[in-house]
């Protein structure tokens, strides 16, 4: 059983890393799409279309019958998760990207790991080990090295405020999503479809009301379709699956590997360059992420000559 659990955790880590890579590519597509589509409407279209893609699968796999057995408490949790994870969080990201460069938004969102770790202690009774904390600290320290010095112009004030709101919403969604998925009462597909449907419709309605629905070209629709099907419908379903085996802190730090993926994508697709300081930051952040994944790092314990009890 322990071997099976260990195998499940490793598989979940690999899947989670792949999902985070897909999400990292989203920033490239979003920055391109924002040239013709308003932020909130863009985000709403992405997640609503993803919900439309996923909805038939629920009934084709005969999981639609499970909807009738969902308790009132679970419905309340799914509605709240949808508002946090598919309304406030993506809306904040899209708006922040409209006001600030992707690297600045990425730096601010790296602070989510601290928020999730603290909330996980309070609401999930998940106590990060000594090495988890070292990993979180290194991951954050690496991001600081990478982006230091960070200069925030006054024109970025809206982006900073929106990012702060989004970070809190994302942290809350991580805790709530972990609580829902670790119980095992609801299939990840059900969790994804219901919460995404609620959140995306609220987000799209808000976007159209405040920003309208512009004329969108072929490239814009192609970006929306890819983000909706691959980077959202498929990715979020896989992410909910990994939450059954990974703690909130582990999931958050894996999510933080976007600090590594985004600069690489920027070099390849945006012709940007990485300095020596930025490279050091990437290495430190990557090492911190690796440490967090060592839930039972016996070899490292022996290397240090002592054992820490979590």
C-alpha atoms as a PDB file:
ATOM      1  CA  UNK A   1       0.000   0.000   0.000  1.00  0.00           C
ATOM      2  CA  UNK A   2       2.856   2.419   0.842  1.00  0.00           C
ATOM      3  CA  UNK A   3       4.487   1.637  -2.506  1.00  0.00           C
ATOM      4  CA  UNK A   4       1.191   2.323  -4.261  1.00  0.00           C
ATOM      5  CA  UNK A   5       0.760   5.611  -2.424  1.00  0.00           C
ATOM      6  CA  UNK A   6       4.297   6.641  -3.266  1.00  0.00           C
ATOM      7  CA  UNK A   7       3.727   5.789  -6.933  1.00  0.00           C
ATOM      8  CA  UNK A   8       0.479   7.799  -6.919  1.00  0.00           C
ATOM      9  CA  UNK A   9       2.258  10.811  -5.438  1.00  0.00           C
ATOM     10  CA  UNK A  10       5.038  10.673  -8.029  1.00  0.00           C
ATOM     11  CA  UNK A  11       2.501  10.384 -10.840  1.00  0.00           C
ATOM     12  CA  UNK A  12       0.556  13.305  -9.403  1.00  0.00           C
ATOM     13  CA  UNK A  13       3.725  15.424  -9.235  1.00  0.00           C
ATOM     14  CA  UNK A  14       4.555  14.702 -12.878  1.00  0.00           C
ATOM     15  CA  UNK A  15       1.012  15.501 -13.996  1.00  0.00           C
ATOM     16  CA  UNK A  16       0.960  18.661 -11.887  1.00  0.00           C
ATOM     17  CA  UNK A  17       4.247  19.854 -13.414  1.00  0.00           C
ATOM     18  CA  UNK A  18       2.863  19.250 -16.919  1.00  0.00           C
ATOM     19  CA  UNK A  19      -0.286  21.199 -16.067  1.00  0.00           C
ATOM     20  CA  UNK A  20       1.784  24.094 -14.723  1.00  0.00           C
ATOM     21  CA  UNK A  21       3.793  24.119 -17.953  1.00  0.00           C
ATOM     22  CA  UNK A  22       0.551  24.448 -19.912  1.00  0.00           C
ATOM     23  CA  UNK A  23      -0.524  27.283 -17.634  1.00  0.00           C
ATOM     24  CA  UNK A  24       2.846  28.992 -18.182  1.00  0.00           C
ATOM     25  CA  UNK A  25       2.258  28.978 -21.948  1.00  0.00           C
ATOM     26  CA  UNK A  26      -1.060  30.670 -21.237  1.00  0.00           C
ATOM     27  CA  UNK A  27       0.696  33.922 -20.356  1.00  0.00           C
ATOM     28  CA  UNK A  28       2.203  34.073 -23.846  1.00  0.00           C
ATOM     29  CA  UNK A  29      -1.196  33.504 -25.464  1.00  0.00           C
ATOM     30  CA  UNK A  30      -2.940  35.922 -23.108  1.00  0.00           C
ATOM     31  CA  UNK A  31      -0.508  38.773 -23.797  1.00  0.00           C
ATOM     32  CA  UNK A  32      -1.140  38.308 -27.531  1.00  0.00           C
ATOM     33  CA  UNK A  33      -4.908  38.037 -27.135  1.00  0.00           C
ATOM     34  CA  UNK A  34      -5.151  41.137 -24.926  1.00  0.00           C
ATOM     35  CA  UNK A  35      -4.183  43.216 -27.947  1.00  0.00           C
ATOM     36  CA  UNK A  36      -7.745  42.849 -29.269  1.00  0.00           C
ATOM     37  CA  UNK A  37      -9.874  41.390 -26.426  1.00  0.00           C
ATOM     38  CA  UNK A  38     -10.694  43.187 -23.115  1.00  0.00           C
ATOM     39  CA  UNK A  39      -9.289  41.376 -20.075  1.00  0.00           C
ATOM     40  CA  UNK A  40     -12.438  40.297 -18.203  1.00  0.00           C
ATOM     41  CA  UNK A  41     -14.323  39.361 -21.373  1.00  0.00           C
ATOM     42  CA  UNK A  42     -11.277  37.424 -22.603  1.00  0.00           C
ATOM     43  CA  UNK A  43     -11.031  35.488 -19.338  1.00  0.00           C
ATOM     44  CA  UNK A  44     -14.779  34.869 -19.277  1.00  0.00           C
ATOM     45  CA  UNK A  45     -14.814  33.542 -22.844  1.00  0.00           C
ATOM     46  CA  UNK A  46     -11.915  31.211 -22.085  1.00  0.00           C
ATOM     47  CA  UNK A  47     -13.492  29.575 -19.055  1.00  0.00           C
ATOM     48  CA  UNK A  48     -17.056  29.546 -20.351  1.00  0.00           C
ATOM     49  CA  UNK A  49     -15.941  27.806 -23.538  1.00  0.00           C
ATOM     50  CA  UNK A  50     -13.952  25.325 -21.439  1.00  0.00           C
ATOM     51  CA  UNK A  51     -17.094  24.631 -19.404  1.00  0.00           C
ATOM     52  CA  UNK A  52     -19.020  23.995 -22.634  1.00  0.00           C
ATOM     53  CA  UNK A  53     -16.311  21.541 -23.744  1.00  0.00           C
ATOM     54  CA  UNK A  54     -16.455  19.638 -20.460  1.00  0.00           C
ATOM     55  CA  UNK A  55     -20.197  19.548 -19.862  1.00  0.00           C
ATOM     56  CA  UNK A  56     -21.030  16.803 -22.429  1.00  0.00           C
ATOM     57  CA  UNK A  57     -18.243  14.607 -21.042  1.00  0.00           C
ATOM     58  CA  UNK A  58     -19.990  14.511 -17.672  1.00  0.00           C
ATOM     59  CA  UNK A  59     -23.045  12.878 -19.231  1.00  0.00           C
ATOM     60  CA  UNK A  60     -21.150  10.749 -21.767  1.00  0.00           C
ATOM     61  CA  UNK A  61     -19.216   9.157 -18.904  1.00  0.00           C
ATOM     62  CA  UNK A  62     -22.493   8.685 -17.008  1.00  0.00           C
ATOM     63  CA  UNK A  63     -21.330  10.878 -14.146  1.00  0.00           C
ATOM     64  CA  UNK A  64     -24.303  13.187 -14.561  1.00  0.00           C
ATOM     65  CA  UNK A  65     -26.303  11.012 -12.163  1.00  0.00           C
ATOM     66  CA  UNK A  66     -23.876  12.028  -9.398  1.00  0.00           C
ATOM     67  CA  UNK A  67     -25.234  15.579  -9.593  1.00  0.00           C
ATOM     68  CA  UNK A  68     -28.450  14.511  -7.879  1.00  0.00           C
ATOM     69  CA  UNK A  69     -26.581  13.103  -4.883  1.00  0.00           C
ATOM     70  CA  UNK A  70     -24.479  16.179  -4.129  1.00  0.00           C
ATOM     71  CA  UNK A  71     -25.243  17.523  -0.662  1.00  0.00           C
ATOM     72  CA  UNK A  72     -26.174  21.135   0.060  1.00  0.00           C
ATOM     73  CA  UNK A  73     -22.864  21.616   1.839  1.00  0.00           C
ATOM     74  CA  UNK A  74     -20.958  20.344  -1.208  1.00  0.00           C
ATOM     75  CA  UNK A  75     -22.963  22.626  -3.496  1.00  0.00           C
ATOM     76  CA  UNK A  76     -22.063  25.584  -1.296  1.00  0.00           C
ATOM     77  CA  UNK A  77     -18.382  24.617  -1.421  1.00  0.00           C
ATOM     78  CA  UNK A  78     -18.450  24.176  -5.216  1.00  0.00           C
ATOM     79  CA  UNK A  79     -20.152  27.531  -5.727  1.00  0.00           C
ATOM     80  CA  UNK A  80     -17.594  29.280  -3.521  1.00  0.00           C
ATOM     81  CA  UNK A  81     -14.746  27.425  -5.254  1.00  0.00           C
ATOM     82  CA  UNK A  82     -16.100  28.503  -8.634  1.00  0.00           C
ATOM     83  CA  UNK A  83     -16.239  32.146  -7.619  1.00  0.00           C
ATOM     84  CA  UNK A  84     -12.719  32.078  -6.177  1.00  0.00           C
ATOM     85  CA  UNK A  85     -10.972  29.893  -8.744  1.00  0.00           C
ATOM     86  CA  UNK A  86     -12.827  30.712 -11.961  1.00  0.00           C
ATOM     87  CA  UNK A  87     -14.102  34.260 -11.404  1.00  0.00           C
ATOM     88  CA  UNK A  88     -11.826  36.274  -9.124  1.00  0.00           C
ATOM     89  CA  UNK A  89      -8.503  34.492  -9.738  1.00  0.00           C
ATOM     90  CA  UNK A  90      -8.459  34.404 -13.580  1.00  0.00           C
ATOM     91  CA  UNK A  91     -10.115  37.804 -13.770  1.00  0.00           C
ATOM     92  CA  UNK A  92      -7.355  39.242 -11.593  1.00  0.00           C
ATOM     93  CA  UNK A  93      -4.632  37.612 -13.698  1.00  0.00           C
ATOM     94  CA  UNK A  94      -6.019  38.913 -16.998  1.00  0.00           C
ATOM     95  CA  UNK A  95      -6.533  42.433 -15.639  1.00  0.00           C
ATOM     96  CA  UNK A  96      -3.063  42.470 -14.047  1.00  0.00           C
ATOM     97  CA  UNK A  97      -1.512  41.375 -17.359  1.00  0.00           C
ATOM     98  CA  UNK A  98      -3.311  44.239 -19.064  1.00  0.00           C
ATOM     99  CA  UNK A  99      -1.616  46.721 -16.733  1.00  0.00           C
ATOM    100  CA  UNK A 100       1.796  45.143 -16.097  1.00  0.00           C
ATOM    101  CA  UNK A 101       4.427  42.993 -17.874  1.00  0.00           C
ATOM    102  CA  UNK A 102       4.125  39.233 -17.459  1.00  0.00           C
ATOM    103  CA  UNK A 103       7.362  39.001 -15.437  1.00  0.00           C
ATOM    104  CA  UNK A 104       6.053  41.494 -12.876  1.00  0.00           C
ATOM    105  CA  UNK A 105       2.732  39.676 -12.545  1.00  0.00           C
ATOM    106  CA  UNK A 106       4.618  36.394 -12.255  1.00  0.00           C
ATOM    107  CA  UNK A 107       6.771  37.761  -9.426  1.00  0.00           C
ATOM    108  CA  UNK A 108       3.762  38.975  -7.446  1.00  0.00           C
ATOM    109  CA  UNK A 109       1.942  35.680  -7.852  1.00  0.00           C
ATOM    110  CA  UNK A 110       4.963  33.769  -6.545  1.00  0.00           C
ATOM    111  CA  UNK A 111       3.892  34.991  -3.102  1.00  0.00           C
ATOM    112  CA  UNK A 112       0.895  32.643  -3.254  1.00  0.00           C
ATOM    113  CA  UNK A 113       2.962  29.773  -1.865  1.00  0.00           C
ATOM    114  CA  UNK A 114       3.410  31.564   1.474  1.00  0.00           C
ATOM    115  CA  UNK A 115      -0.284  32.370   1.680  1.00  0.00           C
ATOM    116  CA  UNK A 116      -1.311  28.799   0.896  1.00  0.00           C
ATOM    117  CA  UNK A 117       1.134  27.360   3.433  1.00  0.00           C
ATOM    118  CA  UNK A 118      -0.240  29.562   6.203  1.00  0.00           C
ATOM    119  CA  UNK A 119      -3.875  28.886   5.288  1.00  0.00           C
ATOM    120  CA  UNK A 120      -3.149  25.160   5.034  1.00  0.00           C
ATOM    121  CA  UNK A 121      -1.995  25.133   8.655  1.00  0.00           C
ATOM    122  CA  UNK A 122      -5.094  26.972   9.832  1.00  0.00           C
ATOM    123  CA  UNK A 123      -7.847  25.301   7.810  1.00  0.00           C
ATOM    124  CA  UNK A 124      -6.518  21.878   6.732  1.00  0.00           C
ATOM    125  CA  UNK A 125      -4.311  21.022   9.697  1.00  0.00           C
ATOM    126  CA  UNK A 126      -1.499  20.319   7.229  1.00  0.00           C
ATOM    127  CA  UNK A 127       1.816  20.899   8.945  1.00  0.00           C
ATOM    128  CA  UNK A 128       4.634  21.495   6.464  1.00  0.00           C
ATOM    129  CA  UNK A 129       7.836  19.703   7.435  1.00  0.00           C
ATOM    130  CA  UNK A 130      11.104  21.472   8.121  1.00  0.00           C
ATOM    131  CA  UNK A 131      12.209  20.738   4.539  1.00  0.00           C
ATOM    132  CA  UNK A 132       8.903  21.952   3.125  1.00  0.00           C
ATOM    133  CA  UNK A 133       9.511  25.320   4.758  1.00  0.00           C
ATOM    134  CA  UNK A 134      13.113  25.420   3.518  1.00  0.00           C
ATOM    135  CA  UNK A 135      11.850  24.630   0.015  1.00  0.00           C
ATOM    136  CA  UNK A 136       9.199  27.343   0.138  1.00  0.00           C
ATOM    137  CA  UNK A 137      11.739  29.883   1.382  1.00  0.00           C
ATOM    138  CA  UNK A 138      14.269  28.929  -1.301  1.00  0.00           C
ATOM    139  CA  UNK A 139      11.619  29.055  -4.042  1.00  0.00           C
ATOM    140  CA  UNK A 140      10.586  32.546  -2.987  1.00  0.00           C
ATOM    141  CA  UNK A 141      14.180  33.689  -2.436  1.00  0.00           C
ATOM    142  CA  UNK A 142      15.081  32.438  -5.914  1.00  0.00           C
ATOM    143  CA  UNK A 143      12.249  34.455  -7.435  1.00  0.00           C
ATOM    144  CA  UNK A 144      13.446  37.555  -5.591  1.00  0.00           C
ATOM    145  CA  UNK A 145      16.978  37.051  -6.921  1.00  0.00           C
ATOM    146  CA  UNK A 146      15.636  36.576 -10.439  1.00  0.00           C
ATOM    147  CA  UNK A 147      13.611  39.794 -10.533  1.00  0.00           C
ATOM    148  CA  UNK A 148      15.706  42.016  -8.230  1.00  0.00           C
ATOM    149  CA  UNK A 149      15.665  44.979  -8.317  1.00  0.00           C
ATOM    150  CA  UNK A 150      11.938  45.358  -8.989  1.00  0.00           C
ATOM    151  CA  UNK A 151      10.736  48.856  -9.786  1.00  0.00           C
ATOM    152  CA  UNK A 152       6.971  49.370  -9.650  1.00  0.00           C
ATOM    153  CA  UNK A 153       5.828  52.551 -11.486  1.00  0.00           C
ATOM    154  CA  UNK A 154       2.701  54.395 -10.400  1.00  0.00           C
ATOM    155  CA  UNK A 155       0.945  53.215 -13.543  1.00  0.00           C
ATOM    156  CA  UNK A 156       1.107  49.673 -12.122  1.00  0.00           C
ATOM    157  CA  UNK A 157      -0.976  50.487  -9.027  1.00  0.00           C
ATOM    158  CA  UNK A 158      -4.172  48.974 -10.425  1.00  0.00           C
ATOM    159  CA  UNK A 159      -2.285  45.832 -11.429  1.00  0.00           C
ATOM    160  CA  UNK A 160      -0.745  45.490  -7.964  1.00  0.00           C
ATOM    161  CA  UNK A 161      -4.080  45.890  -6.164  1.00  0.00           C
ATOM    162  CA  UNK A 162      -5.803  43.421  -8.495  1.00  0.00           C
ATOM    163  CA  UNK A 163      -2.924  40.957  -8.108  1.00  0.00           C
ATOM    164  CA  UNK A 164      -3.201  41.129  -4.307  1.00  0.00           C
ATOM    165  CA  UNK A 165      -6.909  40.314  -4.534  1.00  0.00           C
ATOM    166  CA  UNK A 166      -6.191  37.488  -6.959  1.00  0.00           C
ATOM    167  CA  UNK A 167      -3.449  36.022  -4.777  1.00  0.00           C
ATOM    168  CA  UNK A 168      -5.790  35.819  -1.789  1.00  0.00           C
ATOM    169  CA  UNK A 169      -8.538  34.310  -3.947  1.00  0.00           C
ATOM    170  CA  UNK A 170      -6.134  31.775  -5.446  1.00  0.00           C
ATOM    171  CA  UNK A 171      -4.849  30.782  -2.008  1.00  0.00           C
ATOM    172  CA  UNK A 172      -8.374  30.355  -0.711  1.00  0.00           C
ATOM    173  CA  UNK A 173      -9.291  28.285  -3.775  1.00  0.00           C
ATOM    174  CA  UNK A 174      -6.243  26.053  -3.252  1.00  0.00           C
ATOM    175  CA  UNK A 175      -7.273  25.327   0.332  1.00  0.00           C
ATOM    176  CA  UNK A 176     -10.937  24.786  -0.526  1.00  0.00           C
ATOM    177  CA  UNK A 177     -10.101  22.661  -3.577  1.00  0.00           C
ATOM    178  CA  UNK A 178      -7.813  20.483  -1.490  1.00  0.00           C
ATOM    179  CA  UNK A 179     -10.535  20.052   1.136  1.00  0.00           C
ATOM    180  CA  UNK A 180     -13.108  19.032  -1.485  1.00  0.00           C
ATOM    181  CA  UNK A 181     -10.873  16.668  -3.452  1.00  0.00           C
ATOM    182  CA  UNK A 182      -9.150  14.902  -0.583  1.00  0.00           C
ATOM    183  CA  UNK A 183     -12.504  13.713   0.762  1.00  0.00           C
ATOM    184  CA  UNK A 184     -12.952  11.658  -2.418  1.00  0.00           C
ATOM    185  CA  UNK A 185     -16.732  12.143  -2.343  1.00  0.00           C
ATOM    186  CA  UNK A 186     -16.841  13.870  -5.727  1.00  0.00           C
ATOM    187  CA  UNK A 187     -15.038  12.896  -8.928  1.00  0.00           C
ATOM    188  CA  UNK A 188     -12.503  15.531 -10.111  1.00  0.00           C
ATOM    189  CA  UNK A 189     -14.479  15.982 -13.340  1.00  0.00           C
ATOM    190  CA  UNK A 190     -17.628  16.859 -11.374  1.00  0.00           C
ATOM    191  CA  UNK A 191     -15.689  19.281  -9.187  1.00  0.00           C
ATOM    192  CA  UNK A 192     -14.164  20.951 -12.239  1.00  0.00           C
ATOM    193  CA  UNK A 193     -17.329  21.219 -14.323  1.00  0.00           C
ATOM    194  CA  UNK A 194     -19.615  22.566 -11.611  1.00  0.00           C
ATOM    195  CA  UNK A 195     -17.159  25.075 -10.155  1.00  0.00           C
ATOM    196  CA  UNK A 196     -15.951  26.175 -13.593  1.00  0.00           C
ATOM    197  CA  UNK A 197     -19.484  26.551 -14.922  1.00  0.00           C
ATOM    198  CA  UNK A 198     -20.528  28.775 -12.032  1.00  0.00           C
ATOM    199  CA  UNK A 199     -17.353  30.862 -11.983  1.00  0.00           C
ATOM    200  CA  UNK A 200     -17.001  31.287 -15.753  1.00  0.00           C
ATOM    201  CA  UNK A 201     -20.586  32.444 -16.295  1.00  0.00           C
ATOM    202  CA  UNK A 202     -20.228  35.028 -13.522  1.00  0.00           C
ATOM    203  CA  UNK A 203     -16.903  36.194 -14.993  1.00  0.00           C
ATOM    204  CA  UNK A 204     -18.193  36.401 -18.590  1.00  0.00           C
ATOM    205  CA  UNK A 205     -21.322  38.259 -17.522  1.00  0.00           C
ATOM    206  CA  UNK A 206     -19.211  40.734 -15.581  1.00  0.00           C
ATOM    207  CA  UNK A 207     -16.819  41.192 -18.500  1.00  0.00           C
ATOM    208  CA  UNK A 208     -19.544  41.824 -21.086  1.00  0.00           C
ATOM    209  CA  UNK A 209     -21.376  44.199 -18.724  1.00  0.00           C
ATOM    210  CA  UNK A 210     -18.316  46.353 -17.996  1.00  0.00           C
ATOM    211  CA  UNK A 211     -16.166  45.877 -21.117  1.00  0.00           C
ATOM    212  CA  UNK A 212     -18.498  44.639 -23.852  1.00  0.00           C
ATOM    213  CA  UNK A 213     -17.969  41.932 -26.485  1.00  0.00           C
ATOM    214  CA  UNK A 214     -15.640  43.213 -29.237  1.00  0.00           C
ATOM    215  CA  UNK A 215     -15.196  41.931 -32.776  1.00  0.00           C
ATOM    216  CA  UNK A 216     -12.679  39.081 -32.480  1.00  0.00           C
ATOM    217  CA  UNK A 217     -10.541  37.873 -35.394  1.00  0.00           C
ATOM    218  CA  UNK A 218      -9.510  34.341 -36.341  1.00  0.00           C
ATOM    219  CA  UNK A 219      -6.291  34.503 -34.309  1.00  0.00           C
ATOM    220  CA  UNK A 220      -8.193  35.682 -31.245  1.00  0.00           C
ATOM    221  CA  UNK A 221     -10.732  32.859 -31.456  1.00  0.00           C
ATOM    222  CA  UNK A 222      -7.940  30.320 -32.030  1.00  0.00           C
ATOM    223  CA  UNK A 223      -6.201  31.513 -28.857  1.00  0.00           C
ATOM    224  CA  UNK A 224      -9.458  31.385 -26.882  1.00  0.00           C
ATOM    225  CA  UNK A 225     -10.223  27.871 -28.166  1.00  0.00           C
ATOM    226  CA  UNK A 226      -6.747  26.534 -27.305  1.00  0.00           C
ATOM    227  CA  UNK A 227      -6.755  28.118 -23.861  1.00  0.00           C
ATOM    228  CA  UNK A 228     -10.272  26.811 -23.224  1.00  0.00           C
ATOM    229  CA  UNK A 229      -9.806  23.215 -24.383  1.00  0.00           C
ATOM    230  CA  UNK A 230      -6.185  22.368 -23.555  1.00  0.00           C
ATOM    231  CA  UNK A 231      -4.985  24.863 -20.950  1.00  0.00           C
ATOM    232  CA  UNK A 232      -8.278  24.953 -19.063  1.00  0.00           C
ATOM    233  CA  UNK A 233     -10.699  22.055 -19.636  1.00  0.00           C
ATOM    234  CA  UNK A 234      -8.036  19.357 -19.710  1.00  0.00           C
ATOM    235  CA  UNK A 235      -5.506  21.053 -17.421  1.00  0.00           C
ATOM    236  CA  UNK A 236      -7.869  21.900 -14.561  1.00  0.00           C
ATOM    237  CA  UNK A 237      -9.378  18.414 -14.568  1.00  0.00           C
ATOM    238  CA  UNK A 238      -5.876  16.941 -14.237  1.00  0.00           C
ATOM    239  CA  UNK A 239      -5.049  19.474 -11.526  1.00  0.00           C
ATOM    240  CA  UNK A 240      -8.066  18.503  -9.443  1.00  0.00           C
ATOM    241  CA  UNK A 241      -6.969  14.873  -9.767  1.00  0.00           C
ATOM    242  CA  UNK A 242      -3.486  15.674  -8.402  1.00  0.00           C
ATOM    243  CA  UNK A 243      -5.008  17.421  -5.358  1.00  0.00           C
ATOM    244  CA  UNK A 244      -6.095  14.013  -4.078  1.00  0.00           C
ATOM    245  CA  UNK A 245      -2.469  13.024  -3.498  1.00  0.00           C
ATOM    246  CA  UNK A 246      -0.612  16.305  -2.955  1.00  0.00           C
ATOM    247  CA  UNK A 247      -0.855  18.709  -0.030  1.00  0.00           C
ATOM    248  CA  UNK A 248      -1.856  22.334  -0.541  1.00  0.00           C
ATOM    249  CA  UNK A 249       1.739  23.475   0.025  1.00  0.00           C
ATOM    250  CA  UNK A 250       3.151  20.935  -2.445  1.00  0.00           C
ATOM    251  CA  UNK A 251       0.604  21.912  -5.088  1.00  0.00           C
ATOM    252  CA  UNK A 252       1.313  25.589  -4.532  1.00  0.00           C
ATOM    253  CA  UNK A 253       5.088  25.232  -4.889  1.00  0.00           C
ATOM    254  CA  UNK A 254       4.685  23.069  -8.002  1.00  0.00           C
ATOM    255  CA  UNK A 255       2.510  25.856  -9.309  1.00  0.00           C
ATOM    256  CA  UNK A 256       5.421  28.159  -8.506  1.00  0.00           C
ATOM    257  CA  UNK A 257       7.606  26.430 -11.107  1.00  0.00           C
ATOM    258  CA  UNK A 258       6.043  28.856 -13.566  1.00  0.00           C
ATOM    259  CA  UNK A 259       8.875  31.085 -12.335  1.00  0.00           C
ATOM    260  CA  UNK A 260      11.099  28.746 -14.328  1.00  0.00           C
ATOM    261  CA  UNK A 261       8.870  27.995 -17.317  1.00  0.00           C
ATOM    262  CA  UNK A 262       7.858  31.569 -18.128  1.00  0.00           C
ATOM    263  CA  UNK A 263      11.403  32.951 -18.574  1.00  0.00           C
ATOM    264  CA  UNK A 264      12.265  29.971 -20.787  1.00  0.00           C
ATOM    265  CA  UNK A 265       9.189  30.588 -22.918  1.00  0.00           C
ATOM    266  CA  UNK A 266      10.049  34.291 -23.031  1.00  0.00           C
ATOM    267  CA  UNK A 267      13.505  33.486 -24.412  1.00  0.00           C
ATOM    268  CA  UNK A 268      12.184  31.027 -26.999  1.00  0.00           C
ATOM    269  CA  UNK A 269       9.095  32.893 -28.197  1.00  0.00           C
ATOM    270  CA  UNK A 270       9.645  36.535 -27.220  1.00  0.00           C
ATOM    271  CA  UNK A 271      13.385  36.769 -27.965  1.00  0.00           C
ATOM    272  CA  UNK A 272      14.204  37.864 -24.417  1.00  0.00           C
ATOM    273  CA  UNK A 273      17.526  37.185 -22.662  1.00  0.00           C
ATOM    274  CA  UNK A 274      18.385  35.778 -19.220  1.00  0.00           C
ATOM    275  CA  UNK A 275      21.216  37.407 -17.269  1.00  0.00           C
ATOM    276  CA  UNK A 276      23.584  35.581 -14.914  1.00  0.00           C
ATOM    277  CA  UNK A 277      21.641  36.893 -11.909  1.00  0.00           C
ATOM    278  CA  UNK A 278      18.378  35.625 -13.393  1.00  0.00           C
ATOM    279  CA  UNK A 279      19.946  32.224 -14.041  1.00  0.00           C
ATOM    280  CA  UNK A 280      21.035  31.996 -10.394  1.00  0.00           C
ATOM    281  CA  UNK A 281      17.491  32.872  -9.358  1.00  0.00           C
ATOM    282  CA  UNK A 282      16.107  30.105 -11.562  1.00  0.00           C
ATOM    283  CA  UNK A 283      18.471  27.528 -10.050  1.00  0.00           C
ATOM    284  CA  UNK A 284      17.637  28.530  -6.458  1.00  0.00           C
ATOM    285  CA  UNK A 285      13.882  28.516  -7.151  1.00  0.00           C
ATOM    286  CA  UNK A 286      14.133  25.155  -8.896  1.00  0.00           C
ATOM    287  CA  UNK A 287      16.111  23.620  -6.030  1.00  0.00           C
ATOM    288  CA  UNK A 288      13.546  24.917  -3.544  1.00  0.00           C
ATOM    289  CA  UNK A 289      10.769  23.290  -5.538  1.00  0.00           C
ATOM    290  CA  UNK A 290      12.667  19.992  -5.592  1.00  0.00           C
ATOM    291  CA  UNK A 291      13.119  20.008  -1.815  1.00  0.00           C
ATOM    292  CA  UNK A 292       9.394  20.476  -1.278  1.00  0.00           C
ATOM    293  CA  UNK A 293       8.729  17.309  -3.294  1.00  0.00           C
ATOM    294  CA  UNK A 294      10.984  15.245  -0.981  1.00  0.00           C
ATOM    295  CA  UNK A 295       8.272  14.344   1.497  1.00  0.00           C
ATOM    296  CA  UNK A 296      10.368  11.535   2.929  1.00  0.00           C
ATOM    297  CA  UNK A 297      13.950  12.696   2.164  1.00  0.00           C
ATOM    298  CA  UNK A 298      15.747   9.985   4.161  1.00  0.00           C
ATOM    299  CA  UNK A 299      18.904  10.313   2.088  1.00  0.00           C
ATOM    300  CA  UNK A 300      19.048  14.019   2.825  1.00  0.00           C
ATOM    301  CA  UNK A 301      18.409  13.313   6.506  1.00  0.00           C
ATOM    302  CA  UNK A 302      21.407  10.961   6.589  1.00  0.00           C
ATOM    303  CA  UNK A 303      23.528  13.482   4.710  1.00  0.00           C
ATOM    304  CA  UNK A 304      22.812  16.133   7.350  1.00  0.00           C
ATOM    305  CA  UNK A 305      23.380  13.638  10.167  1.00  0.00           C
ATOM    306  CA  UNK A 306      20.083  14.181  11.966  1.00  0.00           C
ATOM    307  CA  UNK A 307      16.356  13.471  11.607  1.00  0.00           C
ATOM    308  CA  UNK A 308      13.602  16.053  11.708  1.00  0.00           C
ATOM    309  CA  UNK A 309      10.170  14.834  12.803  1.00  0.00           C
ATOM    310  CA  UNK A 310       7.286  16.474  10.940  1.00  0.00           C
END
